[in-house]
Amino acid sequence: MRTYGDELVDLLSAATDVLRDLPARAHRLTGSDLDAMLPVIDRLAAMAEVGRLTVTTEAVDRGDVPSFAELRERDRDRDRDRDRDRPAWSGGMPPQPSRALLRA
């Protein structure tokens, strides 16, 4: 059984297919046609961004995806663990790779 999400994906995919051809069509526009088309493209881009932000915000609020703060904390923990496990460098010249590694 198809879900509402399936229908929405199909609709957005069809819109994407139409937009894929836009550069080939729009490069021929000049003058008043260009003046009329640019605000429409700007609105389209703005609405796509609003849609993405809305979907993402709602997903974060529901807990379906991690929040930005959670992602930053996870990245910070990963970096801390990586730095803790990295051998300390005593300064001076960094170690040179062996010739065997250079030939690999």
N, C-alpha and C. Protein backbone atom coordinates (compact mmCIF):
# COMPACT_ATOMS: atom_id res chain seq x y z
N MET A 1 0.84 -1.18 0.00
CA MET A 1 0.00 0.00 0.00
C MET A 1 0.89 1.25 0.00
N ARG A 2 0.59 2.17 -0.88
CA ARG A 2 1.37 3.39 -0.98
C ARG A 2 1.02 4.33 0.16
N THR A 3 2.05 4.96 0.68
CA THR A 3 1.86 5.91 1.78
C THR A 3 1.80 7.33 1.24
N TYR A 4 1.43 8.25 2.11
CA TYR A 4 1.45 9.66 1.75
C TYR A 4 2.87 10.09 1.38
N GLY A 5 3.85 9.55 2.10
CA GLY A 5 5.25 9.86 1.80
C GLY A 5 5.64 9.40 0.40
N ASP A 6 5.16 8.22 0.00
CA ASP A 6 5.43 7.73 -1.36
C ASP A 6 4.86 8.70 -2.41
N GLU A 7 3.63 9.15 -2.18
CA GLU A 7 2.99 10.07 -3.11
C GLU A 7 3.74 11.39 -3.18
N LEU A 8 4.19 11.87 -2.03
CA LEU A 8 4.93 13.14 -2.00
C LEU A 8 6.27 13.01 -2.70
N VAL A 9 6.95 11.89 -2.51
CA VAL A 9 8.22 11.65 -3.20
C VAL A 9 7.99 11.63 -4.71
N ASP A 10 6.93 10.98 -5.16
CA ASP A 10 6.62 10.94 -6.59
C ASP A 10 6.35 12.35 -7.13
N LEU A 11 5.60 13.13 -6.39
CA LEU A 11 5.28 14.49 -6.81
C LEU A 11 6.53 15.35 -6.91
N LEU A 12 7.37 15.27 -5.89
CA LEU A 12 8.60 16.07 -5.89
C LEU A 12 9.58 15.57 -6.96
N SER A 13 9.59 14.29 -7.22
CA SER A 13 10.44 13.74 -8.28
C SER A 13 9.99 14.26 -9.64
N ALA A 14 8.68 14.32 -9.86
CA ALA A 14 8.16 14.85 -11.12
C ALA A 14 8.53 16.33 -11.27
N ALA A 15 8.42 17.08 -10.19
CA ALA A 15 8.80 18.50 -10.24
C ALA A 15 10.29 18.64 -10.54
N THR A 16 11.10 17.77 -9.96
CA THR A 16 12.54 17.81 -10.22
C THR A 16 12.84 17.51 -11.68
N ASP A 17 12.10 16.57 -12.26
CA ASP A 17 12.29 16.25 -13.68
C ASP A 17 11.99 17.46 -14.56
N VAL A 18 10.95 18.20 -14.22
CA VAL A 18 10.60 19.41 -14.98
C VAL A 18 11.72 20.45 -14.84
N LEU A 19 12.23 20.60 -13.62
CA LEU A 19 13.26 21.61 -13.37
C LEU A 19 14.60 21.25 -13.99
N ARG A 20 14.83 19.97 -14.19
CA ARG A 20 16.09 19.54 -14.79
C ARG A 20 16.29 20.18 -16.17
N ASP A 21 15.21 20.41 -16.87
CA ASP A 21 15.26 20.97 -18.22
C ASP A 21 15.31 22.50 -18.21
N LEU A 22 15.15 23.10 -17.04
CA LEU A 22 15.09 24.56 -16.96
C LEU A 22 16.31 25.27 -17.53
N PRO A 23 17.54 24.87 -17.22
CA PRO A 23 18.69 25.59 -17.78
C PRO A 23 18.70 25.60 -19.31
N ALA A 24 18.34 24.49 -19.92
CA ALA A 24 18.33 24.43 -21.38
C ALA A 24 17.29 25.36 -21.97
N ARG A 25 16.18 25.52 -21.27
CA ARG A 25 15.11 26.39 -21.78
C ARG A 25 15.37 27.86 -21.44
N ALA A 26 15.86 28.10 -20.23
CA ALA A 26 15.97 29.47 -19.74
C ALA A 26 17.12 30.24 -20.39
N HIS A 27 18.13 29.58 -20.92
CA HIS A 27 19.26 30.32 -21.47
C HIS A 27 18.85 31.15 -22.68
N ARG A 28 17.72 30.85 -23.29
CA ARG A 28 17.25 31.60 -24.45
C ARG A 28 16.42 32.83 -24.07
N LEU A 29 16.09 32.97 -22.79
CA LEU A 29 15.25 34.09 -22.37
C LEU A 29 16.02 35.40 -22.40
N THR A 30 15.35 36.43 -22.84
CA THR A 30 15.94 37.78 -22.84
C THR A 30 14.86 38.78 -22.46
N GLY A 31 15.30 39.97 -22.13
CA GLY A 31 14.39 41.09 -21.91
C GLY A 31 13.30 40.82 -20.91
N SER A 32 12.06 41.12 -21.31
CA SER A 32 10.92 41.01 -20.40
C SER A 32 10.65 39.56 -19.99
N ASP A 33 10.96 38.60 -20.88
CA ASP A 33 10.78 37.20 -20.49
C ASP A 33 11.73 36.83 -19.35
N LEU A 34 12.95 37.29 -19.43
CA LEU A 34 13.93 37.04 -18.38
C LEU A 34 13.51 37.74 -17.10
N ASP A 35 13.04 38.99 -17.22
CA ASP A 35 12.57 39.73 -16.05
C ASP A 35 11.40 39.03 -15.36
N ALA A 36 10.55 38.38 -16.14
CA ALA A 36 9.41 37.67 -15.56
C ALA A 36 9.84 36.34 -14.94
N MET A 37 10.83 35.68 -15.53
CA MET A 37 11.23 34.34 -15.08
C MET A 37 12.07 34.36 -13.81
N LEU A 38 12.97 35.32 -13.67
CA LEU A 38 13.88 35.32 -12.52
C LEU A 38 13.16 35.36 -11.17
N PRO A 39 12.14 36.22 -10.99
CA PRO A 39 11.43 36.20 -9.70
C PRO A 39 10.73 34.86 -9.44
N VAL A 40 10.26 34.20 -10.48
CA VAL A 40 9.61 32.90 -10.31
C VAL A 40 10.63 31.87 -9.85
N ILE A 41 11.81 31.89 -10.46
CA ILE A 41 12.87 30.97 -10.04
C ILE A 41 13.30 31.26 -8.61
N ASP A 42 13.39 32.54 -8.25
CA ASP A 42 13.74 32.91 -6.88
C ASP A 42 12.71 32.39 -5.88
N ARG A 43 11.41 32.53 -6.20
CA ARG A 43 10.35 32.03 -5.32
C ARG A 43 10.42 30.51 -5.20
N LEU A 44 10.68 29.87 -6.31
CA LEU A 44 10.78 28.41 -6.32
C LEU A 44 11.93 27.95 -5.40
N ALA A 45 13.07 28.60 -5.53
CA ALA A 45 14.21 28.25 -4.69
C ALA A 45 13.91 28.52 -3.22
N ALA A 46 13.26 29.63 -2.94
CA ALA A 46 12.93 29.97 -1.55
C ALA A 46 11.94 28.96 -0.97
N MET A 47 10.94 28.57 -1.75
CA MET A 47 9.95 27.62 -1.27
C MET A 47 10.59 26.24 -1.03
N ALA A 48 11.51 25.85 -1.89
CA ALA A 48 12.21 24.57 -1.70
C ALA A 48 13.01 24.61 -0.40
N GLU A 49 13.67 25.72 -0.12
CA GLU A 49 14.46 25.85 1.11
C GLU A 49 13.55 25.84 2.34
N VAL A 50 12.42 26.55 2.26
CA VAL A 50 11.48 26.56 3.38
C VAL A 50 10.95 25.15 3.62
N GLY A 51 10.65 24.44 2.55
CA GLY A 51 10.17 23.06 2.69
C GLY A 51 11.20 22.18 3.36
N ARG A 52 12.44 22.30 2.94
CA ARG A 52 13.51 21.48 3.54
C ARG A 52 13.70 21.82 5.01
N LEU A 53 13.71 23.10 5.34
CA LEU A 53 13.87 23.50 6.74
C LEU A 53 12.70 23.02 7.60
N THR A 54 11.50 23.11 7.06
CA THR A 54 10.31 22.68 7.81
C THR A 54 10.35 21.18 8.07
N VAL A 55 10.64 20.41 7.04
CA VAL A 55 10.70 18.96 7.19
C VAL A 55 11.80 18.57 8.18
N THR A 56 12.96 19.21 8.07
CA THR A 56 14.07 18.89 8.96
C THR A 56 13.74 19.27 10.41
N THR A 57 13.18 20.46 10.61
CA THR A 57 12.83 20.91 11.96
C THR A 57 11.81 19.98 12.60
N GLU A 58 10.80 19.61 11.84
CA GLU A 58 9.79 18.70 12.39
C GLU A 58 10.40 17.34 12.71
N ALA A 59 11.32 16.85 11.88
CA ALA A 59 11.96 15.56 12.14
C ALA A 59 12.83 15.63 13.39
N VAL A 60 13.53 16.75 13.59
CA VAL A 60 14.34 16.93 14.80
C VAL A 60 13.44 16.98 16.03
N ASP A 61 12.33 17.72 15.94
CA ASP A 61 11.40 17.83 17.07
C ASP A 61 10.82 16.47 17.45
N ARG A 62 10.56 15.62 16.47
CA ARG A 62 10.03 14.28 16.74
C ARG A 62 11.10 13.32 17.22
N GLY A 63 12.38 13.69 17.04
CA GLY A 63 13.48 12.81 17.41
C GLY A 63 13.85 11.83 16.32
N ASP A 64 13.34 12.04 15.10
CA ASP A 64 13.66 11.15 13.98
C ASP A 64 15.08 11.33 13.48
N VAL A 65 15.62 12.52 13.64
CA VAL A 65 17.01 12.81 13.26
C VAL A 65 17.65 13.58 14.40
N PRO A 66 18.97 13.46 14.57
CA PRO A 66 19.62 14.18 15.66
C PRO A 66 19.61 15.69 15.41
N SER A 67 19.54 16.44 16.48
CA SER A 67 19.60 17.89 16.37
C SER A 67 21.02 18.33 16.07
N PHE A 68 21.17 19.58 15.67
CA PHE A 68 22.49 20.14 15.40
C PHE A 68 23.37 20.04 16.63
N ALA A 69 22.80 20.33 17.80
CA ALA A 69 23.58 20.26 19.04
C ALA A 69 24.05 18.84 19.30
N GLU A 70 23.19 17.85 19.03
CA GLU A 70 23.59 16.46 19.23
C GLU A 70 24.69 16.06 18.25
N LEU A 71 24.57 16.53 17.01
CA LEU A 71 25.61 16.23 16.02
C LEU A 71 26.94 16.86 16.42
N ARG A 72 26.90 18.11 16.90
CA ARG A 72 28.13 18.77 17.33
C ARG A 72 28.76 18.03 18.50
N GLU A 73 27.92 17.59 19.45
CA GLU A 73 28.45 16.86 20.60
C GLU A 73 29.06 15.53 20.15
N ARG A 74 28.41 14.85 19.23
CA ARG A 74 28.94 13.58 18.73
C ARG A 74 30.27 13.81 18.01
N ASP A 75 30.35 14.88 17.19
CA ASP A 75 31.60 15.20 16.51
C ASP A 75 32.70 15.55 17.50
N ARG A 76 32.34 16.32 18.52
CA ARG A 76 33.33 16.70 19.54
C ARG A 76 33.84 15.46 20.27
N ASP A 77 32.94 14.53 20.61
CA ASP A 77 33.35 13.29 21.26
C ASP A 77 34.26 12.47 20.35
N ARG A 78 33.91 12.39 19.08
CA ARG A 78 34.73 11.63 18.13
C ARG A 78 36.12 12.25 18.02
N ASP A 79 36.18 13.58 17.92
CA ASP A 79 37.47 14.26 17.81
C ASP A 79 38.30 14.07 19.08
N ARG A 80 37.65 14.13 20.23
CA ARG A 80 38.36 13.93 21.50
C ARG A 80 38.93 12.53 21.56
N ASP A 81 38.12 11.54 21.18
CA ASP A 81 38.60 10.15 21.21
C ASP A 81 39.74 9.95 20.22
N ARG A 82 39.63 10.55 19.05
CA ARG A 82 40.68 10.42 18.05
C ARG A 82 41.97 11.06 18.56
N ASP A 83 41.87 12.23 19.16
CA ASP A 83 43.05 12.92 19.68
C ASP A 83 43.67 12.16 20.85
N ARG A 84 42.83 11.54 21.67
CA ARG A 84 43.33 10.79 22.83
C ARG A 84 44.10 9.56 22.36
N ASP A 85 43.63 8.93 21.28
CA ASP A 85 44.27 7.70 20.80
C ASP A 85 45.47 7.96 19.90
N ARG A 86 45.66 9.20 19.49
CA ARG A 86 46.77 9.54 18.60
C ARG A 86 48.05 9.65 19.42
N PRO A 87 49.15 9.05 18.93
CA PRO A 87 50.41 9.17 19.67
C PRO A 87 50.86 10.64 19.73
N ALA A 88 51.42 10.99 20.85
CA ALA A 88 51.88 12.37 21.03
C ALA A 88 53.08 12.64 20.12
N TRP A 89 53.13 13.82 19.59
CA TRP A 89 54.25 14.23 18.74
C TRP A 89 55.14 15.10 19.60
N SER A 90 56.41 14.78 19.63
CA SER A 90 57.33 15.46 20.54
C SER A 90 57.89 16.75 19.96
N GLY A 91 57.49 17.12 18.79
CA GLY A 91 58.04 18.32 18.17
C GLY A 91 59.15 17.96 17.22
N GLY A 92 59.84 18.94 16.73
CA GLY A 92 60.90 18.68 15.76
C GLY A 92 60.30 18.27 14.42
N MET A 93 61.07 17.52 13.70
CA MET A 93 60.62 17.09 12.38
C MET A 93 59.57 15.98 12.53
N PRO A 94 58.51 16.06 11.76
CA PRO A 94 57.53 14.98 11.83
C PRO A 94 58.13 13.69 11.30
N PRO A 95 57.64 12.54 11.76
CA PRO A 95 58.19 11.28 11.29
C PRO A 95 58.01 11.15 9.78
N GLN A 96 59.01 10.60 9.13
CA GLN A 96 58.96 10.41 7.67
C GLN A 96 58.38 9.03 7.36
N PRO A 97 57.58 8.93 6.32
CA PRO A 97 57.04 7.61 5.94
C PRO A 97 58.18 6.73 5.46
N SER A 98 58.03 5.45 5.69
CA SER A 98 59.07 4.52 5.25
C SER A 98 59.04 4.44 3.72
N ARG A 99 60.18 4.04 3.15
CA ARG A 99 60.25 3.91 1.69
C ARG A 99 59.28 2.86 1.17
N ALA A 100 59.02 1.82 1.99
CA ALA A 100 58.08 0.77 1.57
C ALA A 100 56.69 1.36 1.39
N LEU A 101 56.28 2.28 2.26
CA LEU A 101 54.97 2.92 2.14
C LEU A 101 54.90 3.83 0.93
N LEU A 102 56.00 4.49 0.64
CA LEU A 102 56.02 5.39 -0.51
C LEU A 102 55.90 4.62 -1.82
N ARG A 103 56.39 3.39 -1.85
CA ARG A 103 56.32 2.59 -3.08
C ARG A 103 54.96 1.93 -3.25
N ALA A 104 54.17 1.84 -2.20
CA ALA A 104 52.89 1.12 -2.25
C ALA A 104 51.88 1.81 -3.12
